[in-house]
């Protein structure tokens, strides 16, 4: 897949997610957002708080990588390359992967009090992601690297990170719709 095709695909998917969230969650009452379809599963607000946690971690890193790539004049490349870590995280986040994964406590917002501002922050973060996807059209997605994890010690490509954020969002927006 070319880098441009990936970015086009990611942009379409983020726009779909924003449309779904605005149509189904923005005007919904707090009680409806906090309800659970069954005991032990995340409600809609917990899904969005989880996504916001990762947006807060990775969006600044993405913006920095794009800025540095432009400063270094790393123009757009041809095809998207996947590192072994990029393939792994995207496989886990893919909506087609039905495996349930246990998240760590710092990423889990189960039974935490969350308000409607969680939805508002998700929309703001998604629009920020959309702007970054558009800005990434000017750089090489394979050359720019993003620090992965809380320490950022390991790095993966900008393209792999953007794809993971979108797939991860898609997975949890669909989870929130089931509530």
Protein backbone atom coordinates (compact mmCIF):
# COMPACT_ATOMS: atom_id res chain seq x y z
CA UNK A 1 0.00 0.00 0.00
CA UNK A 2 1.30 3.44 -0.80
CA UNK A 3 1.67 6.06 1.92
CA UNK A 4 -0.94 8.27 0.25
CA UNK A 5 -3.44 5.38 0.10
CA UNK A 6 -2.90 4.67 3.80
CA UNK A 7 -3.38 8.32 4.77
CA UNK A 8 -6.54 8.57 2.63
CA UNK A 9 -7.91 5.43 4.25
CA UNK A 10 -7.08 6.68 7.77
CA UNK A 11 -8.67 10.07 7.08
CA UNK A 12 -11.90 8.43 5.88
CA UNK A 13 -11.99 6.21 8.96
CA UNK A 14 -11.42 9.07 11.43
CA UNK A 15 -14.18 11.07 9.74
CA UNK A 16 -16.52 8.05 10.09
CA UNK A 17 -15.64 7.72 13.77
CA UNK A 18 -16.33 11.41 14.36
CA UNK A 19 -19.67 11.11 12.59
CA UNK A 20 -20.64 8.07 14.69
CA UNK A 21 -19.65 9.75 17.95
CA UNK A 22 -21.43 13.00 17.14
CA UNK A 23 -24.59 11.17 16.05
CA UNK A 24 -24.73 8.58 18.85
CA UNK A 25 -22.98 10.00 21.90
CA UNK A 26 -22.75 13.82 21.85
CA UNK A 27 -26.37 14.45 22.81
CA UNK A 28 -26.90 11.28 24.85
CA UNK A 29 -27.74 11.70 28.53
CA UNK A 30 -25.06 10.94 31.11
CA UNK A 31 -27.06 7.96 32.44
CA UNK A 32 -27.10 6.41 28.98
CA UNK A 33 -23.36 6.92 28.58
CA UNK A 34 -22.68 5.30 31.95
CA UNK A 35 -24.92 2.25 31.42
CA UNK A 36 -23.44 -1.19 30.79
CA UNK A 37 -24.83 -3.89 28.54
CA UNK A 38 -23.51 -6.45 31.02
CA UNK A 39 -21.56 -6.44 34.26
CA UNK A 40 -17.79 -6.15 33.96
CA UNK A 41 -17.67 -4.53 30.53
CA UNK A 42 -16.72 -0.93 29.84
CA UNK A 43 -19.45 1.61 29.34
CA UNK A 44 -19.22 4.16 26.51
CA UNK A 45 -17.45 6.80 28.64
CA UNK A 46 -14.81 4.30 29.77
CA UNK A 47 -14.11 3.39 26.13
CA UNK A 48 -13.61 7.05 25.22
CA UNK A 49 -11.49 7.78 28.33
CA UNK A 50 -9.24 4.86 27.35
CA UNK A 51 -8.82 6.29 23.85
CA UNK A 52 -8.21 9.79 25.21
CA UNK A 53 -5.37 8.41 27.36
CA UNK A 54 -3.57 7.19 24.24
CA UNK A 55 -4.35 10.36 22.30
CA UNK A 56 -2.76 12.36 25.12
CA UNK A 57 0.34 10.16 24.95
CA UNK A 58 0.85 9.86 21.21
CA UNK A 59 -0.52 13.02 19.57
CA UNK A 60 2.32 15.23 20.91
CA UNK A 61 4.84 12.62 19.77
CA UNK A 62 3.24 12.49 16.32
CA UNK A 63 3.26 16.28 16.01
CA UNK A 64 6.91 16.39 17.01
CA UNK A 65 7.84 13.67 14.50
CA UNK A 66 6.03 15.49 11.69
CA UNK A 67 7.70 18.78 12.63
CA UNK A 68 11.16 17.18 12.73
CA UNK A 69 10.55 15.40 9.42
CA UNK A 70 9.62 18.66 7.74
CA UNK A 71 12.68 20.37 9.24
CA UNK A 72 14.89 17.56 7.94
CA UNK A 73 13.13 17.69 4.56
CA UNK A 74 12.05 14.04 4.60
CA UNK A 75 9.53 14.26 1.78
CA UNK A 76 6.76 11.73 1.17
CA UNK A 77 7.85 8.18 0.46
CA UNK A 78 6.37 5.49 -1.75
CA UNK A 79 5.09 2.48 0.14
CA UNK A 80 4.29 1.89 3.80
CA UNK A 81 6.73 -0.38 5.61
CA UNK A 82 5.72 -2.29 8.71
CA UNK A 83 8.15 -3.02 11.50
CA UNK A 84 7.59 -6.23 13.45
CA UNK A 85 6.22 -4.11 16.32
CA UNK A 86 4.00 -2.16 13.91
CA UNK A 87 2.53 -5.37 12.49
CA UNK A 88 1.98 -6.72 16.00
CA UNK A 89 0.20 -3.69 17.48
CA UNK A 90 -1.95 -3.19 14.39
CA UNK A 91 -2.95 -6.85 14.44
CA UNK A 92 -4.07 -6.55 18.08
CA UNK A 93 -5.98 -3.31 17.45
CA UNK A 94 -7.70 -4.46 14.27
CA UNK A 95 -11.45 -4.76 14.63
CA UNK A 96 -11.35 -8.11 12.82
CA UNK A 97 -9.30 -9.49 15.73
CA UNK A 98 -12.00 -10.69 18.13
CA UNK A 99 -9.59 -11.63 20.90
CA UNK A 100 -10.33 -9.85 24.16
CA UNK A 101 -7.23 -8.35 25.72
CA UNK A 102 -6.83 -7.29 29.32
CA UNK A 103 -5.60 -3.73 29.61
CA UNK A 104 -3.25 -2.52 32.31
CA UNK A 105 -4.69 -0.61 35.28
CA UNK A 106 -3.36 2.76 34.17
CA UNK A 107 -5.24 2.38 30.85
CA UNK A 108 -8.42 1.06 32.48
CA UNK A 109 -11.09 3.55 33.56
CA UNK A 110 -13.61 0.97 34.81
CA UNK A 111 -15.81 2.39 37.58
CA UNK A 112 -14.08 5.78 37.51
CA UNK A 113 -16.38 8.79 37.52
CA UNK A 114 -16.40 10.22 34.01
CA UNK A 115 -18.56 13.02 32.67
CA UNK A 116 -19.70 14.12 29.24
CA UNK A 117 -16.46 16.09 28.83
CA UNK A 118 -14.89 12.70 27.99
CA UNK A 119 -16.87 12.67 24.72
CA UNK A 120 -15.95 16.29 24.01
CA UNK A 121 -12.25 15.51 24.54
CA UNK A 122 -12.50 12.50 22.24
CA UNK A 123 -13.95 14.69 19.48
CA UNK A 124 -11.23 17.33 19.98
CA UNK A 125 -8.51 14.66 19.99
CA UNK A 126 -9.94 12.99 16.87
CA UNK A 127 -9.99 16.31 15.02
CA UNK A 128 -6.37 16.84 16.12
CA UNK A 129 -5.52 13.36 14.80
CA UNK A 130 -7.21 14.25 11.53
CA UNK A 131 -5.05 17.39 11.20
CA UNK A 132 -1.95 15.27 11.88
CA UNK A 133 -2.96 12.75 9.22
CA UNK A 134 -3.31 15.63 6.75
CA UNK A 135 0.06 17.09 7.81
CA UNK A 136 1.70 13.66 7.45
CA UNK A 137 1.09 13.82 3.68
CA UNK A 138 4.18 16.03 3.44
CA UNK A 139 6.61 13.61 5.16
CA UNK A 140 7.97 10.08 4.81
CA UNK A 141 5.87 7.84 7.09
CA UNK A 142 8.65 5.25 7.22
CA UNK A 143 11.48 7.58 8.14
CA UNK A 144 9.75 9.49 10.95
CA UNK A 145 9.74 7.53 14.21
CA UNK A 146 7.51 7.69 17.29
CA UNK A 147 8.58 6.60 20.77
CA UNK A 148 6.40 3.69 21.81
CA UNK A 149 5.09 2.96 25.31
CA UNK A 150 5.23 5.10 28.41
CA UNK A 151 8.99 5.58 28.22
CA UNK A 152 9.18 5.93 24.45
CA UNK A 153 12.32 3.77 24.49
CA UNK A 154 11.22 1.63 21.54
CA UNK A 155 10.20 3.39 18.37
CA UNK A 156 7.90 2.57 15.51
CA UNK A 157 7.23 4.42 12.28
CA UNK A 158 4.84 7.33 12.01
CA UNK A 159 2.71 5.37 9.54
CA UNK A 160 2.42 2.38 11.91
CA UNK A 161 1.51 4.68 14.81
CA UNK A 162 -1.16 6.58 12.89
CA UNK A 163 -2.68 3.33 11.68
CA UNK A 164 -2.68 1.93 15.22
CA UNK A 165 -4.42 4.99 16.66
CA UNK A 166 -7.15 4.79 14.04
CA UNK A 167 -7.63 1.01 14.38
CA UNK A 168 -7.64 1.27 18.16
CA UNK A 169 -10.23 4.05 17.94
CA UNK A 170 -12.36 2.04 15.56
CA UNK A 171 -12.27 -0.95 17.91
CA UNK A 172 -13.39 1.00 20.98
CA UNK A 173 -15.96 3.19 19.19
CA UNK A 174 -17.62 -0.03 18.04
CA UNK A 175 -17.39 -1.33 21.62
CA UNK A 176 -19.08 1.84 22.89
CA UNK A 177 -21.87 1.44 20.33
CA UNK A 178 -22.73 -1.93 21.84
CA UNK A 179 -23.51 -0.32 25.21
